[in-house]
N, C-alpha and C. Protein backbone atom coordinates (compact mmCIF):
# COMPACT_ATOMS: atom_id res chain seq x y z
N MET A 1 1.02 -0.90 -0.06
CA MET A 1 -0.02 0.05 -0.10
C MET A 1 1.02 1.08 0.29
N VAL A 2 0.70 2.26 -0.95
CA VAL A 2 1.38 3.41 -0.75
C VAL A 2 0.31 5.08 -0.84
N ALA A 3 0.88 5.47 0.52
CA ALA A 3 0.16 6.84 0.68
C ALA A 3 0.45 7.97 -0.33
N SER A 4 -0.18 9.00 -0.75
CA SER A 4 0.63 9.89 -1.41
C SER A 4 1.74 10.61 -1.48
N ASP A 5 2.36 10.12 -0.41
CA ASP A 5 3.83 10.55 -0.34
C ASP A 5 4.96 9.53 0.63
N GLY A 6 4.23 7.85 -0.13
CA GLY A 6 5.32 7.11 0.12
C GLY A 6 4.54 5.64 0.70
N LYS A 7 5.66 4.51 0.84
CA LYS A 7 5.13 3.37 0.84
C LYS A 7 4.51 3.07 2.62
N ILE A 8 3.69 2.53 2.83
CA ILE A 8 3.50 2.44 3.96
C ILE A 8 3.19 0.82 4.67
N GLY A 9 2.81 0.02 3.97
CA GLY A 9 2.36 -1.45 4.34
C GLY A 9 1.77 -2.05 3.66
N LYS A 10 1.36 -3.30 4.24
CA LYS A 10 0.44 -4.15 3.27
C LYS A 10 -0.71 -4.32 3.55
N VAL A 11 -1.79 -4.04 2.56
CA VAL A 11 -3.28 -4.59 2.60
C VAL A 11 -3.11 -6.26 3.65
N ASP A 12 -3.76 -6.14 4.86
CA ASP A 12 -3.65 -7.29 5.48
C ASP A 12 -5.00 -8.15 5.17
N GLU A 13 -6.17 -7.10 5.33
CA GLU A 13 -7.44 -7.54 4.86
C GLU A 13 -8.33 -7.05 4.27
N PHE A 14 -9.51 -7.43 3.71
CA PHE A 14 -10.56 -6.54 3.33
C PHE A 14 -12.08 -6.83 4.52
N LEU A 15 -12.65 -5.63 4.16
CA LEU A 15 -14.01 -5.44 5.46
C LEU A 15 -15.08 -5.33 4.58
N ILE A 16 -15.91 -6.61 4.40
CA ILE A 16 -16.95 -6.77 3.66
C ILE A 16 -18.32 -6.22 4.05
N ASN A 17 -19.05 -5.34 3.66
CA ASN A 17 -20.07 -4.79 3.99
C ASN A 17 -21.00 -5.66 3.71
N PRO A 18 -21.84 -6.42 4.93
CA PRO A 18 -22.99 -7.59 4.80
C PRO A 18 -24.04 -6.70 3.99
N LEU A 19 -24.76 -5.86 3.75
CA LEU A 19 -25.53 -5.72 3.40
C LEU A 19 -25.78 -5.82 1.83
N ASN A 20 -24.36 -5.38 1.45
CA ASN A 20 -24.14 -5.52 -0.07
C ASN A 20 -23.44 -6.29 -0.74
N ASP A 21 -22.69 -7.08 0.32
CA ASP A 21 -21.58 -8.10 0.03
C ASP A 21 -20.51 -7.25 -1.14
N GLN A 22 -19.83 -5.95 -0.54
CA GLN A 22 -18.78 -5.08 -1.23
C GLN A 22 -18.03 -4.56 0.11
N ILE A 23 -16.55 -4.75 -0.96
CA ILE A 23 -15.95 -4.33 -0.04
C ILE A 23 -15.92 -3.18 0.18
N SER A 24 -16.17 -2.70 1.70
CA SER A 24 -15.94 -0.98 2.12
C SER A 24 -14.75 -0.62 2.79
N HIS A 25 -13.84 -1.18 3.14
CA HIS A 25 -12.66 -0.66 3.66
C HIS A 25 -11.52 -1.85 3.54
N ILE A 26 -10.36 -1.18 3.38
CA ILE A 26 -8.89 -2.53 3.74
C ILE A 26 -8.29 -2.26 4.87
N VAL A 27 -7.62 -2.81 5.50
CA VAL A 27 -7.37 -3.01 6.71
C VAL A 27 -5.81 -2.87 6.71
N LEU A 28 -4.87 -2.01 7.38
CA LEU A 28 -3.67 -2.04 7.36
C LEU A 28 -3.40 -1.87 8.94
N ARG A 29 -2.35 -3.10 8.83
CA ARG A 29 -1.95 -3.33 10.35
C ARG A 29 -0.43 -3.01 10.61
N GLU A 30 -0.59 -1.84 11.63
CA GLU A 30 0.37 -1.35 12.09
C GLU A 30 1.32 -1.81 13.20
N GLY A 31 2.55 -1.33 13.74
CA GLY A 31 2.72 -1.97 14.48
C GLY A 31 3.71 -2.90 14.72
N HIS A 32 4.26 -3.53 15.56
CA HIS A 32 5.21 -4.43 16.28
C HIS A 32 4.06 -5.93 16.72
N LEU A 33 4.91 -7.00 16.98
CA LEU A 33 4.51 -8.43 17.12
C LEU A 33 3.43 -7.65 18.75
N TRP A 34 3.78 -7.44 19.51
CA TRP A 34 3.29 -6.83 20.80
C TRP A 34 2.61 -5.72 21.28
N GLY A 35 2.43 -5.05 20.30
CA GLY A 35 1.53 -3.76 20.19
C GLY A 35 0.63 -3.67 18.61
N PRO A 36 0.28 -4.35 17.69
CA PRO A 36 -0.14 -4.02 16.38
C PRO A 36 -1.57 -3.27 16.67
N LYS A 37 -1.56 -2.59 15.40
CA LYS A 37 -2.68 -1.76 15.71
C LYS A 37 -3.46 -1.91 14.05
N ASP A 38 -4.87 -2.19 14.10
CA ASP A 38 -5.41 -2.65 13.13
C ASP A 38 -5.65 -1.24 12.45
N VAL A 39 -5.59 -0.17 11.34
CA VAL A 39 -6.53 0.78 10.60
C VAL A 39 -6.88 0.42 9.70
N THR A 40 -8.43 0.61 9.60
CA THR A 40 -9.14 0.94 8.54
C THR A 40 -9.34 1.77 7.80
N ILE A 41 -9.25 1.90 6.47
CA ILE A 41 -9.57 2.78 5.35
C ILE A 41 -10.65 2.61 4.47
N PRO A 42 -11.59 3.61 4.42
CA PRO A 42 -12.34 3.50 3.64
C PRO A 42 -11.73 3.22 2.00
N VAL A 43 -12.81 2.50 1.43
CA VAL A 43 -12.64 2.35 0.25
C VAL A 43 -12.49 3.66 -0.97
N SER A 44 -12.99 4.68 -0.35
CA SER A 44 -13.40 6.02 -1.23
C SER A 44 -12.23 6.76 -0.99
N GLN A 45 -11.21 5.94 -0.28
CA GLN A 45 -9.83 7.04 -0.02
C GLN A 45 -8.94 5.89 -0.81
N ILE A 46 -9.16 5.03 -2.21
CA ILE A 46 -7.97 4.63 -2.46
C ILE A 46 -8.00 5.46 -4.09
N LYS A 47 -7.10 5.50 -4.59
CA LYS A 47 -7.14 6.47 -5.84
C LYS A 47 -6.66 5.63 -6.81
N ARG A 48 -5.90 4.56 -6.95
CA ARG A 48 -6.30 3.29 -8.02
C ARG A 48 -5.61 2.44 -7.54
N ILE A 49 -5.14 1.22 -8.10
CA ILE A 49 -4.49 0.09 -7.67
C ILE A 49 -4.06 0.11 -8.88
N ASP A 50 -2.68 -0.40 -9.12
CA ASP A 50 -1.85 -0.79 -10.38
C ASP A 50 -0.87 -1.84 -9.79
N ASP A 51 -0.80 -3.20 -10.42
CA ASP A 51 -0.09 -4.19 -10.42
C ASP A 51 0.42 -4.78 -8.92
N GLY A 52 -0.87 -4.82 -8.61
CA GLY A 52 -1.52 -5.14 -7.00
C GLY A 52 -0.80 -4.10 -5.53
N VAL A 53 -0.81 -3.02 -6.12
CA VAL A 53 -0.45 -2.21 -5.17
C VAL A 53 -1.64 -1.37 -5.23
N VAL A 54 -2.05 -0.93 -4.03
CA VAL A 54 -3.12 0.07 -3.85
C VAL A 54 -2.08 1.18 -3.66
N HIS A 55 -2.91 2.49 -4.34
CA HIS A 55 -2.81 3.96 -3.91
C HIS A 55 -4.25 4.41 -3.25
N LEU A 56 -3.24 5.68 -2.30
CA LEU A 56 -4.18 6.30 -1.70
C LEU A 56 -4.33 7.65 -1.73
N LYS A 57 -5.33 8.47 -1.43
CA LYS A 57 -5.41 9.81 -1.97
C LYS A 57 -4.89 10.56 -0.57
N MET A 58 -4.47 9.57 0.56
CA MET A 58 -4.42 10.16 2.12
C MET A 58 -2.35 9.94 1.96
N ASN A 59 -1.80 11.01 2.82
CA ASN A 59 -0.52 11.27 2.62
C ASN A 59 -0.49 9.75 4.37
N LYS A 60 1.09 10.03 4.34
CA LYS A 60 1.56 9.08 5.88
C LYS A 60 0.89 9.54 7.16
N ASP A 61 1.12 11.10 7.28
CA ASP A 61 0.47 11.58 8.42
C ASP A 61 -0.81 11.25 8.89
N THR A 62 -1.74 11.10 7.70
CA THR A 62 -2.88 11.00 8.07
C THR A 62 -3.45 10.00 7.83
N VAL A 63 -2.61 9.00 7.37
CA VAL A 63 -3.12 7.61 7.86
C VAL A 63 -2.49 7.09 9.03
N ALA A 64 -1.32 7.98 9.17
CA ALA A 64 -0.69 7.77 11.27
C ALA A 64 -1.69 8.09 12.50
N GLY A 65 -2.92 9.30 11.83
CA GLY A 65 -3.60 9.99 12.61
C GLY A 65 -4.87 9.37 12.51
N LEU A 66 -5.17 7.90 12.10
CA LEU A 66 -6.43 7.50 11.75
C LEU A 66 -6.42 6.18 12.91
N PRO A 67 -7.57 6.10 13.95
CA PRO A 67 -7.75 5.50 15.12
C PRO A 67 -7.67 3.70 14.54
N GLY A 68 -7.38 3.53 15.46
CA GLY A 68 -7.07 1.56 15.69
C GLY A 68 -8.42 1.37 15.41
N THR A 69 -8.72 0.20 14.94
CA THR A 69 -9.97 -0.41 14.72
C THR A 69 -9.83 -1.79 15.00
N PRO A 70 -11.10 -1.99 16.54
CA PRO A 70 -10.57 -3.89 16.67
C PRO A 70 -11.34 -4.15 15.41
N ILE A 71 -10.68 -5.19 15.05
CA ILE A 71 -11.38 -6.01 14.08
C ILE A 71 -11.56 -7.39 14.73
N LYS A 72 -13.03 -8.04 14.56
CA LYS A 72 -13.48 -8.83 15.11
C LYS A 72 -13.09 -10.05 14.23
N ARG A 73 -12.13 -11.14 14.08
CA ARG A 73 -11.93 -12.01 13.81
C ARG A 73 -12.62 -13.42 14.08
N LYS A 74 -13.15 -14.38 12.91
CA LYS A 74 -13.53 -15.49 13.64
C LYS A 74 -12.67 -16.79 13.83
N TRP A 75 -11.34 -16.45 13.25
CA TRP A 75 -10.55 -17.46 13.52
C TRP A 75 -9.87 -16.99 14.87
N LYS A 76 -10.00 -16.11 16.01
CA LYS A 76 -9.00 -15.88 16.87
C LYS A 76 -9.61 -16.33 17.71
């Protein structure tokens, strides 16, 4: 995944809207093993996808300022 001002990481997973079965957010996992933080980014903030790389409309500071979002995973 690439912010408007450089690489920020990899897409960890997608969130699906159960009402229409469409992807609503992409999840970026930040942090270390002892303190990871999941950040959800709305698909409306995707500028384009080229060769498997997601390019965002947001810069690194904006992404870093997003709150952590608890993700309920069925496999945990």
